[in-house]
Amino acid sequence: MLSGGGTMTDNSSKEKFEQRDFEKPGFLFRFCLSVIHPLISGPRLYSPFVEGLELEGSERVLEFGCGNGVLTVYLAKALDKGGTVVGVDTSSYMTERAMTRLKGHSNARIMKGDIRSLGLEPESFDLVTFIHVLHDIAPGKRQSTMDTLSCLLAPGGRLGLMEPVSSFHGIPEEKIRSIANDAGLRVTETVPMGRRVKISCVK
């Protein structure tokens, strides 16, 4: 998740972009993080998403924009045959809570920082995944971010994502596909989910 504030318009796609402040989230967002995400979004959205990844359990997984670690827990539990998950987020507020949530999972690690400058080794992950992250990145930084994620994937590695695509909150599906393609990723599946889309890619 990204920190900052303000609203801007991406003239190339006419997309209205609002930068959220994930270091000092408001009450409603904090309530969603502490109650809605783990109790409702977890079993209804995150768990089916992880099941759809069809993990063998031994993969090296990177969760980009891990937030407070709700999805990371589902990934850690699924990686039960020696697999590992690294969660990355730019927000101290989020990573501190993610670390607390993941204390009981020795196969999970949380890192704070910009994925583009963390110094993670290229081709060191079998899977990169994220939910509702790309649309919160400033339009001018999305391509370089996806380029980095692609670089971190091993040859033949997969990227699985879910993003909102509604006109009032989200990013157009065709824009996501374009960014992925330009990063050297081949889109293998697109699943419309109402106001969201789930996209799978392979390197």
Protein backbone atom coordinates (compact mmCIF):
# COMPACT_ATOMS: atom_id res chain seq x y z
CA MET A 1 0.00 0.00 0.00
CA LEU A 2 1.14 3.52 -0.75
CA SER A 3 1.26 6.59 1.41
CA GLY A 4 0.53 10.20 0.57
CA GLY A 5 -2.52 12.24 -0.32
CA GLY A 6 -4.22 14.15 -3.10
CA THR A 7 -6.13 13.67 -6.32
CA MET A 8 -4.91 13.72 -9.88
CA THR A 9 -6.14 12.72 -13.34
CA ASP A 10 -4.25 10.44 -15.69
CA ASN A 11 -4.83 12.26 -18.97
CA SER A 12 -3.82 9.23 -21.05
CA SER A 13 -6.74 7.14 -19.77
CA LYS A 14 -8.97 9.82 -18.17
CA GLU A 15 -8.63 7.91 -14.93
CA LYS A 16 -9.25 9.83 -11.74
CA PHE A 17 -6.60 8.84 -9.23
CA GLU A 18 -6.70 9.59 -5.53
CA GLN A 19 -3.58 8.96 -3.46
CA ARG A 20 -4.56 7.49 -0.12
CA ASP A 21 -2.65 7.98 3.10
CA PHE A 22 -1.88 4.52 4.45
CA GLU A 23 0.37 5.83 7.23
CA LYS A 24 -2.50 7.63 8.96
CA PRO A 25 -5.72 5.96 7.79
CA GLY A 26 -9.04 7.32 8.96
CA PHE A 27 -11.38 5.60 11.41
CA LEU A 28 -13.54 3.89 8.77
CA PHE A 29 -10.54 2.42 6.97
CA ARG A 30 -9.00 1.28 10.27
CA PHE A 31 -12.30 -0.43 11.09
CA CYS A 32 -12.25 -2.20 7.73
CA LEU A 33 -8.67 -3.32 8.33
CA SER A 34 -9.29 -4.66 11.82
CA VAL A 35 -12.79 -6.12 11.38
CA ILE A 36 -14.07 -6.34 7.78
CA HIS A 37 -10.89 -7.64 6.17
CA PRO A 38 -10.13 -10.52 8.57
CA LEU A 39 -13.71 -11.54 9.36
CA ILE A 40 -15.50 -11.01 6.05
CA SER A 41 -13.06 -10.33 3.20
CA GLY A 42 -10.77 -13.09 4.45
CA PRO A 43 -13.10 -16.09 4.11
CA ARG A 44 -15.19 -14.66 1.25
CA LEU A 45 -12.48 -13.12 -0.95
CA TYR A 46 -8.92 -13.93 0.12
CA SER A 47 -9.38 -17.63 0.87
CA PRO A 48 -11.00 -18.43 -2.53
CA PHE A 49 -8.33 -16.31 -4.22
CA VAL A 50 -5.54 -18.35 -2.63
CA GLU A 51 -7.31 -21.61 -3.47
CA GLY A 52 -7.49 -20.44 -7.08
CA LEU A 53 -3.71 -20.05 -7.16
CA GLU A 54 -3.47 -23.87 -6.89
CA LEU A 55 -0.31 -23.79 -4.81
CA GLU A 56 1.65 -27.00 -4.34
CA GLY A 57 2.92 -25.74 -0.98
CA SER A 58 6.63 -25.46 -1.76
CA GLU A 59 6.60 -22.22 -3.76
CA ARG A 60 8.51 -19.03 -3.03
CA VAL A 61 5.78 -16.37 -2.98
CA LEU A 62 5.95 -12.59 -2.95
CA GLU A 63 2.86 -10.74 -1.81
CA PHE A 64 3.08 -7.18 -3.05
CA GLY A 65 1.22 -4.58 -1.00
CA CYS A 66 0.56 -6.97 1.88
CA GLY A 67 -1.23 -4.39 4.02
CA ASN A 68 -1.92 -5.69 7.52
CA GLY A 69 -1.21 -9.29 6.55
CA VAL A 70 -4.65 -10.87 6.23
CA LEU A 71 -3.95 -12.37 2.80
CA THR A 72 -0.40 -13.22 3.89
CA VAL A 73 -1.78 -15.56 6.56
CA TYR A 74 -3.79 -17.51 3.99
CA LEU A 75 -0.71 -17.77 1.79
CA ALA A 76 1.50 -18.91 4.68
CA LYS A 77 -0.99 -21.64 5.60
CA ALA A 78 -1.16 -22.85 2.00
CA LEU A 79 2.63 -23.06 1.76
CA ASP A 80 2.76 -26.09 4.02
CA LYS A 81 5.39 -28.11 2.17
CA GLY A 82 8.41 -25.90 2.71
CA GLY A 83 7.16 -22.86 0.83
CA THR A 84 7.74 -19.30 1.96
CA VAL A 85 5.98 -15.97 1.57
CA VAL A 86 7.47 -12.48 1.71
CA GLY A 87 5.01 -9.63 2.22
CA VAL A 88 6.07 -6.15 1.14
CA ASP A 89 4.38 -2.84 1.87
CA THR A 90 5.45 0.81 1.92
CA SER A 91 3.43 1.68 5.03
CA SER A 92 4.86 1.39 8.55
CA TYR A 93 1.30 1.35 9.91
CA MET A 94 0.52 -1.70 7.79
CA THR A 95 3.75 -3.63 8.15
CA GLU A 96 3.75 -3.33 11.94
CA ARG A 97 0.30 -4.92 12.05
CA ALA A 98 1.26 -7.53 9.49
CA MET A 99 4.28 -8.57 11.55
CA THR A 100 2.06 -8.99 14.61
CA ARG A 101 -0.49 -11.02 12.63
CA LEU A 102 2.22 -13.31 11.17
CA LYS A 103 4.10 -14.02 14.41
CA GLY A 104 2.96 -17.62 14.48
CA HIS A 105 4.04 -18.35 10.91
CA SER A 106 7.74 -19.11 10.59
CA ASN A 107 7.54 -19.34 6.79
CA ALA A 108 6.42 -15.71 6.43
CA ARG A 109 8.47 -12.52 6.43
CA ILE A 110 7.33 -8.90 6.20
CA MET A 111 9.42 -6.13 4.63
CA LYS A 112 8.78 -2.39 4.50
CA GLY A 113 9.79 -0.31 1.50
CA ASP A 114 9.35 0.42 -2.18
CA ILE A 115 9.53 -2.87 -4.09
CA ARG A 116 11.63 -1.14 -6.74
CA SER A 117 14.46 -0.36 -4.32
CA LEU A 118 14.34 -3.14 -1.73
CA GLY A 119 17.16 -5.06 -3.39
CA LEU A 120 15.37 -8.40 -3.62
CA GLU A 121 17.21 -10.84 -5.85
CA PRO A 122 15.94 -11.10 -9.44
CA GLU A 123 14.15 -14.33 -10.38
CA SER A 124 13.87 -15.35 -6.72
CA PHE A 125 10.10 -16.00 -6.61
CA ASP A 126 7.85 -18.59 -8.22
CA LEU A 127 4.72 -16.51 -7.69
CA VAL A 128 3.96 -12.84 -7.22
CA THR A 129 0.47 -11.96 -6.05
CA PHE A 130 -1.55 -9.01 -4.86
CA ILE A 131 -5.13 -7.90 -4.24
CA HIS A 132 -6.32 -4.31 -4.70
CA VAL A 133 -2.89 -2.68 -4.93
CA LEU A 134 -2.14 -1.54 -8.49
CA HIS A 135 -4.93 1.05 -8.59
CA ASP A 136 -3.50 2.73 -5.47
CA ILE A 137 -0.14 3.31 -7.19
CA ALA A 138 0.29 6.63 -8.99
CA PRO A 139 -0.24 6.04 -12.73
CA GLY A 140 3.28 7.20 -13.56
CA LYS A 141 4.81 4.57 -11.28
CA ARG A 142 2.71 1.55 -12.24
CA GLN A 143 4.79 0.36 -15.18
CA SER A 144 8.12 0.52 -13.36
CA THR A 145 6.53 -1.29 -10.43
CA MET A 146 5.20 -4.08 -12.64
CA ASP A 147 8.56 -4.27 -14.41
CA THR A 148 10.19 -4.90 -11.04
CA LEU A 149 7.66 -7.57 -10.09
CA SER A 150 8.29 -9.30 -13.41
CA CYS A 151 12.05 -9.15 -12.82
CA LEU A 152 11.60 -10.83 -9.44
CA LEU A 153 9.78 -13.78 -11.02
CA ALA A 154 11.74 -16.86 -12.02
CA PRO A 155 11.38 -17.93 -15.68
CA GLY A 156 8.00 -19.60 -16.00
CA GLY A 157 6.86 -17.97 -12.77
CA ARG A 158 3.31 -16.76 -12.30
CA LEU A 159 1.66 -13.51 -11.29
CA GLY A 160 -1.87 -13.52 -9.92
CA LEU A 161 -3.77 -10.36 -9.10
CA MET A 162 -7.21 -9.00 -8.34
CA GLU A 163 -8.14 -5.36 -8.90
CA PRO A 164 -11.27 -3.20 -8.74
CA VAL A 165 -12.28 -1.97 -12.18
CA SER A 166 -15.32 0.24 -11.56
CA SER A 167 -15.24 3.75 -13.01
CA PHE A 168 -15.46 5.41 -9.58
CA HIS A 169 -12.84 3.23 -7.90
CA GLY A 170 -10.33 1.10 -9.74
CA ILE A 171 -8.25 0.75 -12.88
CA PRO A 172 -9.51 -0.32 -16.32
CA GLU A 173 -8.98 -3.99 -17.13
CA GLU A 174 -7.33 -3.17 -20.45
CA LYS A 175 -4.82 -0.94 -18.63
CA ILE A 176 -3.86 -3.78 -16.30
CA ARG A 177 -3.34 -6.13 -19.21
CA SER A 178 -1.27 -3.52 -21.05
CA ILE A 179 0.99 -2.92 -18.06
CA ALA A 180 1.48 -6.67 -17.59
CA ASN A 181 2.27 -7.23 -21.27
CA ASP A 182 4.76 -4.37 -21.33
CA ALA A 183 6.50 -5.94 -18.33
CA GLY A 184 7.07 -9.15 -20.28
CA LEU A 185 4.20 -11.07 -18.74
CA ARG A 186 1.73 -13.11 -20.79
CA VAL A 187 -1.87 -12.90 -19.61
CA THR A 188 -3.26 -16.44 -19.44
CA GLU A 189 -6.63 -15.87 -17.79
CA THR A 190 -9.00 -13.00 -17.11
CA VAL A 191 -11.98 -13.58 -14.84
CA PRO A 192 -14.56 -10.75 -14.48
CA MET A 193 -15.92 -10.59 -10.93
CA GLY A 194 -18.49 -7.81 -10.99
CA ARG A 195 -16.65 -4.69 -9.86
CA ARG A 196 -13.37 -6.61 -9.82
CA VAL A 197 -11.26 -8.60 -12.23
CA LYS A 198 -8.91 -11.48 -11.52
CA ILE A 199 -5.96 -11.80 -13.89
CA SER A 200 -3.34 -14.54 -14.15
CA CYS A 201 -0.04 -14.11 -15.99
CA VAL A 202 3.07 -16.14 -16.68
CA LYS A 203 6.60 -14.97 -17.33
